Amino acid sequence: MASYRLKRIDGDLQRDLSIIISDKIKDKRLIDVPVSVTRVKATPDLKEAKVYVSIPGDEATKKEAMEALKHASGFLRTELSQLMSTYNTPALRFILDNSVEYGNKIDKILEELRESGQISDLTEEGSLDTE
């Protein structure tokens, strides 16, 4: 399968899963938890797809939400099959993506360093001005 087609399918899967998770899943463990599908990576034969999700909150909340997603994977796959125009609907494997939290942690550290004067903001020095 051409890589551009697979990338398009990955994007479609990401969009469709986001909608299905937010609108159709009625699991109590996911009702008040904002689950974000950050990336989907399907195999070329579309037999399996890794679904990377970001879940804010403490470890217990994340664990419960991941269990709920794994439990709902059959339902999600059925819903996807109705939306997809491909022969196969991939089996879904959910993976917790902590990159958003990691990025926020880095931003916080950089802000603390700027406030303490240990580093300066490049935009203040004018080195990133485009004018």
N, C-alpha and C. Protein backbone atom coordinates (compact mmCIF):
# COMPACT_ATOMS: atom_id res chain seq x y z
N MET A 1 0.85 -1.17 0.00
CA MET A 1 0.00 0.00 0.00
C MET A 1 0.90 1.23 0.00
N ALA A 2 0.56 2.22 -0.78
CA ALA A 2 1.36 3.44 -0.87
C ALA A 2 1.34 4.17 0.46
N SER A 3 2.48 4.78 0.78
CA SER A 3 2.60 5.41 2.10
C SER A 3 1.65 6.60 2.25
N TYR A 4 1.38 7.34 1.17
CA TYR A 4 0.46 8.46 1.28
C TYR A 4 -0.96 7.97 1.59
N ARG A 5 -1.33 6.82 1.05
CA ARG A 5 -2.65 6.25 1.34
C ARG A 5 -2.73 5.80 2.79
N LEU A 6 -1.68 5.18 3.27
CA LEU A 6 -1.65 4.73 4.66
C LEU A 6 -1.71 5.92 5.62
N LYS A 7 -1.01 7.00 5.29
CA LYS A 7 -1.07 8.20 6.13
C LYS A 7 -2.48 8.79 6.15
N ARG A 8 -3.15 8.75 5.01
CA ARG A 8 -4.52 9.26 4.94
C ARG A 8 -5.44 8.39 5.79
N ILE A 9 -5.25 7.08 5.71
CA ILE A 9 -6.06 6.15 6.51
C ILE A 9 -5.79 6.38 8.00
N ASP A 10 -4.51 6.58 8.36
CA ASP A 10 -4.17 6.86 9.77
C ASP A 10 -4.92 8.11 10.25
N GLY A 11 -4.92 9.15 9.43
CA GLY A 11 -5.62 10.38 9.80
C GLY A 11 -7.12 10.18 9.92
N ASP A 12 -7.68 9.41 8.99
CA ASP A 12 -9.12 9.12 9.06
C ASP A 12 -9.46 8.32 10.32
N LEU A 13 -8.62 7.33 10.63
CA LEU A 13 -8.83 6.54 11.84
C LEU A 13 -8.77 7.42 13.08
N GLN A 14 -7.80 8.32 13.12
CA GLN A 14 -7.65 9.21 14.27
C GLN A 14 -8.90 10.08 14.44
N ARG A 15 -9.36 10.68 13.36
CA ARG A 15 -10.54 11.54 13.41
C ARG A 15 -11.78 10.74 13.83
N ASP A 16 -12.00 9.59 13.18
CA ASP A 16 -13.19 8.80 13.46
C ASP A 16 -13.18 8.25 14.89
N LEU A 17 -12.03 7.77 15.35
CA LEU A 17 -11.96 7.26 16.72
C LEU A 17 -12.21 8.36 17.75
N SER A 18 -11.69 9.55 17.49
CA SER A 18 -11.93 10.67 18.40
C SER A 18 -13.42 10.94 18.54
N ILE A 19 -14.12 10.93 17.42
CA ILE A 19 -15.57 11.20 17.44
C ILE A 19 -16.32 10.08 18.14
N ILE A 20 -15.98 8.84 17.82
CA ILE A 20 -16.68 7.70 18.43
C ILE A 20 -16.45 7.67 19.94
N ILE A 21 -15.22 7.89 20.37
CA ILE A 21 -14.91 7.85 21.80
C ILE A 21 -15.66 8.95 22.54
N SER A 22 -15.69 10.14 21.97
CA SER A 22 -16.34 11.25 22.68
C SER A 22 -17.86 11.20 22.61
N ASP A 23 -18.42 10.65 21.54
CA ASP A 23 -19.87 10.71 21.36
C ASP A 23 -20.63 9.41 21.64
N LYS A 24 -20.01 8.26 21.44
CA LYS A 24 -20.78 7.01 21.48
C LYS A 24 -20.47 6.07 22.64
N ILE A 25 -19.32 6.22 23.27
CA ILE A 25 -18.98 5.31 24.38
C ILE A 25 -19.71 5.79 25.63
N LYS A 26 -20.40 4.88 26.27
CA LYS A 26 -21.18 5.20 27.47
C LYS A 26 -20.56 4.66 28.76
N ASP A 27 -19.33 4.19 28.68
CA ASP A 27 -18.65 3.62 29.86
C ASP A 27 -18.47 4.72 30.92
N LYS A 28 -18.85 4.41 32.15
CA LYS A 28 -18.77 5.37 33.25
C LYS A 28 -17.34 5.85 33.48
N ARG A 29 -16.37 4.99 33.18
CA ARG A 29 -14.97 5.35 33.41
C ARG A 29 -14.46 6.38 32.41
N LEU A 30 -15.20 6.61 31.33
CA LEU A 30 -14.76 7.55 30.29
C LEU A 30 -15.64 8.79 30.16
N ILE A 31 -16.73 8.85 30.93
CA ILE A 31 -17.68 9.95 30.75
C ILE A 31 -17.06 11.30 31.10
N ASP A 32 -16.37 11.42 32.21
CA ASP A 32 -15.80 12.70 32.63
C ASP A 32 -14.31 12.82 32.32
N VAL A 33 -13.77 11.91 31.54
CA VAL A 33 -12.34 11.91 31.23
C VAL A 33 -12.16 12.31 29.77
N PRO A 34 -11.50 13.45 29.51
CA PRO A 34 -11.27 13.84 28.11
C PRO A 34 -10.13 13.04 27.48
N VAL A 35 -10.48 12.05 26.69
CA VAL A 35 -9.50 11.21 26.02
C VAL A 35 -9.20 11.83 24.65
N SER A 36 -7.94 12.08 24.38
CA SER A 36 -7.53 12.64 23.09
C SER A 36 -6.74 11.59 22.32
N VAL A 37 -7.15 11.33 21.10
CA VAL A 37 -6.40 10.43 20.22
C VAL A 37 -5.33 11.29 19.57
N THR A 38 -4.07 11.06 19.95
CA THR A 38 -2.99 11.91 19.47
C THR A 38 -2.38 11.41 18.16
N ARG A 39 -2.46 10.09 17.92
CA ARG A 39 -1.87 9.54 16.70
C ARG A 39 -2.37 8.12 16.51
N VAL A 40 -2.45 7.71 15.25
CA VAL A 40 -2.80 6.34 14.91
C VAL A 40 -1.79 5.85 13.89
N LYS A 41 -1.29 4.65 14.09
CA LYS A 41 -0.32 4.05 13.18
C LYS A 41 -0.81 2.65 12.82
N ALA A 42 -1.36 2.52 11.61
CA ALA A 42 -1.87 1.23 11.14
C ALA A 42 -0.79 0.48 10.39
N THR A 43 -0.87 -0.84 10.44
CA THR A 43 0.04 -1.67 9.65
C THR A 43 -0.39 -1.59 8.18
N PRO A 44 0.53 -1.83 7.26
CA PRO A 44 0.19 -1.72 5.83
C PRO A 44 -0.96 -2.64 5.39
N ASP A 45 -1.12 -3.78 6.04
CA ASP A 45 -2.22 -4.68 5.67
C ASP A 45 -3.52 -4.36 6.41
N LEU A 46 -3.50 -3.33 7.25
CA LEU A 46 -4.66 -2.88 8.03
C LEU A 46 -5.21 -3.96 8.96
N LYS A 47 -4.35 -4.85 9.41
CA LYS A 47 -4.80 -5.87 10.37
C LYS A 47 -4.79 -5.33 11.80
N GLU A 48 -3.91 -4.37 12.06
CA GLU A 48 -3.78 -3.82 13.41
C GLU A 48 -3.45 -2.34 13.32
N ALA A 49 -3.89 -1.60 14.33
CA ALA A 49 -3.56 -0.19 14.42
C ALA A 49 -3.21 0.15 15.86
N LYS A 50 -2.09 0.83 16.03
CA LYS A 50 -1.71 1.34 17.35
C LYS A 50 -2.37 2.70 17.50
N VAL A 51 -3.13 2.86 18.57
CA VAL A 51 -3.85 4.09 18.83
C VAL A 51 -3.22 4.75 20.05
N TYR A 52 -2.58 5.89 19.84
CA TYR A 52 -1.93 6.62 20.93
C TYR A 52 -2.93 7.60 21.50
N VAL A 53 -3.15 7.52 22.82
CA VAL A 53 -4.14 8.38 23.48
C VAL A 53 -3.49 9.15 24.62
N SER A 54 -3.96 10.37 24.79
CA SER A 54 -3.52 11.21 25.90
C SER A 54 -4.69 11.34 26.86
N ILE A 55 -4.41 11.06 28.14
CA ILE A 55 -5.45 11.10 29.16
C ILE A 55 -4.93 11.93 30.33
N PRO A 56 -5.53 13.08 30.58
CA PRO A 56 -5.08 13.89 31.73
C PRO A 56 -5.53 13.28 33.05
N GLY A 57 -4.82 13.61 34.10
CA GLY A 57 -5.21 13.13 35.42
C GLY A 57 -4.15 12.29 36.08
N ASP A 58 -4.53 11.72 37.21
CA ASP A 58 -3.58 10.91 37.98
C ASP A 58 -3.48 9.51 37.38
N GLU A 59 -2.58 8.73 37.92
CA GLU A 59 -2.31 7.39 37.38
C GLU A 59 -3.53 6.47 37.46
N ALA A 60 -4.31 6.59 38.54
CA ALA A 60 -5.50 5.74 38.68
C ALA A 60 -6.52 6.04 37.59
N THR A 61 -6.70 7.33 37.29
CA THR A 61 -7.63 7.74 36.23
C THR A 61 -7.17 7.22 34.88
N LYS A 62 -5.88 7.34 34.63
CA LYS A 62 -5.32 6.86 33.36
C LYS A 62 -5.49 5.35 33.22
N LYS A 63 -5.23 4.63 34.30
CA LYS A 63 -5.33 3.18 34.26
C LYS A 63 -6.77 2.74 33.99
N GLU A 64 -7.73 3.37 34.68
CA GLU A 64 -9.14 3.03 34.46
C GLU A 64 -9.58 3.35 33.04
N ALA A 65 -9.15 4.50 32.54
CA ALA A 65 -9.54 4.90 31.18
C ALA A 65 -8.94 3.94 30.15
N MET A 66 -7.69 3.53 30.35
CA MET A 66 -7.07 2.59 29.42
C MET A 66 -7.79 1.24 29.45
N GLU A 67 -8.19 0.79 30.64
CA GLU A 67 -8.94 -0.47 30.74
C GLU A 67 -10.28 -0.34 30.03
N ALA A 68 -10.93 0.81 30.17
CA ALA A 68 -12.22 1.02 29.51
C ALA A 68 -12.06 1.02 27.99
N LEU A 69 -10.98 1.65 27.49
CA LEU A 69 -10.74 1.67 26.05
C LEU A 69 -10.46 0.27 25.52
N LYS A 70 -9.65 -0.49 26.26
CA LYS A 70 -9.37 -1.87 25.83
C LYS A 70 -10.64 -2.71 25.84
N HIS A 71 -11.48 -2.49 26.84
CA HIS A 71 -12.74 -3.22 26.93
C HIS A 71 -13.68 -2.85 25.77
N ALA A 72 -13.63 -1.60 25.33
CA ALA A 72 -14.51 -1.11 24.27
C ALA A 72 -13.92 -1.28 22.88
N SER A 73 -12.76 -1.92 22.75
CA SER A 73 -12.09 -2.00 21.44
C SER A 73 -12.95 -2.73 20.40
N GLY A 74 -13.69 -3.75 20.80
CA GLY A 74 -14.56 -4.45 19.86
C GLY A 74 -15.68 -3.54 19.35
N PHE A 75 -16.28 -2.80 20.26
CA PHE A 75 -17.31 -1.83 19.88
C PHE A 75 -16.74 -0.77 18.94
N LEU A 76 -15.56 -0.26 19.28
CA LEU A 76 -14.93 0.77 18.46
C LEU A 76 -14.61 0.24 17.06
N ARG A 77 -14.16 -1.00 17.00
CA ARG A 77 -13.83 -1.60 15.71
C ARG A 77 -15.10 -1.77 14.86
N THR A 78 -16.18 -2.17 15.49
CA THR A 78 -17.45 -2.31 14.77
C THR A 78 -17.93 -0.96 14.23
N GLU A 79 -17.84 0.07 15.06
CA GLU A 79 -18.24 1.41 14.63
C GLU A 79 -17.34 1.90 13.48
N LEU A 80 -16.05 1.63 13.58
CA LEU A 80 -15.13 2.03 12.51
C LEU A 80 -15.45 1.32 11.21
N SER A 81 -15.82 0.05 11.29
CA SER A 81 -16.10 -0.71 10.07
C SER A 81 -17.25 -0.11 9.28
N GLN A 82 -18.17 0.55 9.97
CA GLN A 82 -19.29 1.19 9.29
C GLN A 82 -18.87 2.49 8.60
N LEU A 83 -17.76 3.08 9.06
CA LEU A 83 -17.30 4.35 8.50
C LEU A 83 -16.22 4.19 7.44
N MET A 84 -15.47 3.09 7.52
CA MET A 84 -14.33 2.91 6.63
C MET A 84 -14.75 2.28 5.31
N SER A 85 -14.01 2.63 4.27
CA SER A 85 -14.28 2.07 2.95
C SER A 85 -13.20 1.07 2.54
N THR A 86 -12.57 0.45 3.52
CA THR A 86 -11.52 -0.53 3.25
C THR A 86 -12.06 -1.93 3.53
N TYR A 87 -11.35 -2.92 2.99
CA TYR A 87 -11.75 -4.31 3.16
C TYR A 87 -11.59 -4.75 4.62
N ASN A 88 -10.47 -4.39 5.22
CA ASN A 88 -10.19 -4.76 6.60
C ASN A 88 -10.43 -3.59 7.54
N THR A 89 -10.89 -3.90 8.73
CA THR A 89 -10.95 -2.93 9.81
C THR A 89 -9.94 -3.40 10.84
N PRO A 90 -8.94 -2.55 11.15
CA PRO A 90 -7.86 -3.03 12.02
C PRO A 90 -8.28 -3.29 13.46
N ALA A 91 -7.62 -4.26 14.07
CA ALA A 91 -7.74 -4.47 15.51
C ALA A 91 -7.03 -3.30 16.17
N LEU A 92 -7.59 -2.82 17.26
CA LEU A 92 -7.06 -1.61 17.90
C LEU A 92 -6.25 -1.97 19.13
N ARG A 93 -5.06 -1.38 19.21
CA ARG A 93 -4.20 -1.55 20.39
C ARG A 93 -3.92 -0.16 20.94
N PHE A 94 -4.39 0.09 22.16
CA PHE A 94 -4.27 1.42 22.75
C PHE A 94 -2.96 1.55 23.52
N ILE A 95 -2.31 2.71 23.31
CA ILE A 95 -1.03 3.00 23.96
C ILE A 95 -1.14 4.39 24.58
N LEU A 96 -0.78 4.49 25.84
CA LEU A 96 -0.83 5.77 26.53
C LEU A 96 0.29 6.68 26.04
N ASP A 97 -0.06 7.88 25.62
CA ASP A 97 0.89 8.85 25.09
C ASP A 97 1.05 9.98 26.11
N ASN A 98 2.22 10.05 26.72
CA ASN A 98 2.48 11.08 27.73
C ASN A 98 3.22 12.28 27.16
N SER A 99 3.29 12.42 25.85
CA SER A 99 4.08 13.50 25.25
C SER A 99 3.52 14.88 25.57
N VAL A 100 2.20 15.02 25.70
CA VAL A 100 1.62 16.32 26.02
C VAL A 100 2.03 16.74 27.43
N GLU A 101 1.92 15.81 28.38
CA GLU A 101 2.34 16.11 29.74
C GLU A 101 3.84 16.39 29.81
N TYR A 102 4.63 15.65 29.05
CA TYR A 102 6.08 15.86 29.02
C TYR A 102 6.40 17.25 28.46
N GLY A 103 5.71 17.65 27.41
CA GLY A 103 5.91 18.98 26.84
C GLY A 103 5.54 20.07 27.83
N ASN A 104 4.45 19.89 28.55
CA ASN A 104 4.05 20.87 29.57
C ASN A 104 5.09 20.97 30.68
N LYS A 105 5.67 19.83 31.05
CA LYS A 105 6.70 19.83 32.10
C LYS A 105 7.94 20.60 31.63
N ILE A 106 8.34 20.39 30.37
CA ILE A 106 9.49 21.11 29.81
C ILE A 106 9.21 22.62 29.76
N ASP A 107 7.99 22.99 29.34
CA ASP A 107 7.62 24.41 29.30
C ASP A 107 7.70 25.04 30.69
N LYS A 108 7.23 24.31 31.69
CA LYS A 108 7.26 24.82 33.07
C LYS A 108 8.70 25.02 33.54
N ILE A 109 9.57 24.07 33.24
CA ILE A 109 10.98 24.19 33.62
C ILE A 109 11.63 25.38 32.94
N LEU A 110 11.37 25.54 31.64
CA LEU A 110 11.94 26.68 30.91
C LEU A 110 11.43 28.01 31.45
N GLU A 111 10.15 28.06 31.80
CA GLU A 111 9.59 29.29 32.36
C GLU A 111 10.25 29.63 33.70
N GLU A 112 10.47 28.60 34.53
CA GLU A 112 11.13 28.83 35.82
C GLU A 112 12.56 29.33 35.62
N LEU A 113 13.26 28.78 34.62
CA LEU A 113 14.62 29.23 34.33
C LEU A 113 14.64 30.67 33.81
N ARG A 114 13.64 31.03 32.99
CA ARG A 114 13.55 32.42 32.50
C ARG A 114 13.30 33.37 33.65
N GLU A 115 12.38 33.00 34.56
CA GLU A 115 12.04 33.86 35.68
C GLU A 115 13.22 34.05 36.63
N SER A 116 14.04 33.02 36.77
CA SER A 116 15.20 33.12 37.67
C SER A 116 16.37 33.83 37.00
N GLY A 117 16.27 34.08 35.69
CA GLY A 117 17.33 34.78 34.98
C GLY A 117 18.45 33.88 34.51
N GLN A 118 18.31 32.60 34.63
CA GLN A 118 19.36 31.67 34.20
C GLN A 118 19.42 31.54 32.68
N ILE A 119 18.28 31.74 32.02
CA ILE A 119 18.28 31.81 30.55
C ILE A 119 17.43 33.00 30.15
N SER A 120 17.68 33.51 28.95
CA SER A 120 16.88 34.64 28.48
C SER A 120 16.01 34.18 27.33
N ASP A 121 14.92 34.90 27.13
CA ASP A 121 14.00 34.58 26.04
C ASP A 121 14.57 35.15 24.75
N LEU A 122 14.74 34.31 23.74
CA LEU A 122 15.33 34.75 22.48
C LEU A 122 14.50 35.83 21.80
N THR A 123 13.20 35.80 22.01
CA THR A 123 12.35 36.82 21.37
C THR A 123 12.60 38.18 21.99
N GLU A 124 12.96 38.25 23.28
CA GLU A 124 13.24 39.52 23.93
C GLU A 124 14.53 40.15 23.38
N GLU A 125 15.48 39.30 23.00
CA GLU A 125 16.74 39.81 22.49
C GLU A 125 16.62 40.24 21.04
N GLY A 126 15.53 39.89 20.38
CA GLY A 126 15.33 40.29 19.00
C GLY A 126 15.98 39.36 17.99
N SER A 127 16.58 38.27 18.44
CA SER A 127 17.26 37.38 17.51
C SER A 127 16.29 36.54 16.67
N LEU A 128 15.01 36.50 17.08
CA LEU A 128 14.04 35.78 16.29
C LEU A 128 13.07 36.70 15.55
N ASP A 129 13.30 38.01 15.63
CA ASP A 129 12.45 38.94 14.89
C ASP A 129 12.60 38.74 13.40
N THR A 130 11.50 38.80 12.69
CA THR A 130 11.55 38.62 11.24
C THR A 130 11.47 39.94 10.51
N GLU A 131 11.33 41.03 11.22
CA GLU A 131 11.20 42.33 10.58
C GLU A 131 12.55 42.88 10.18
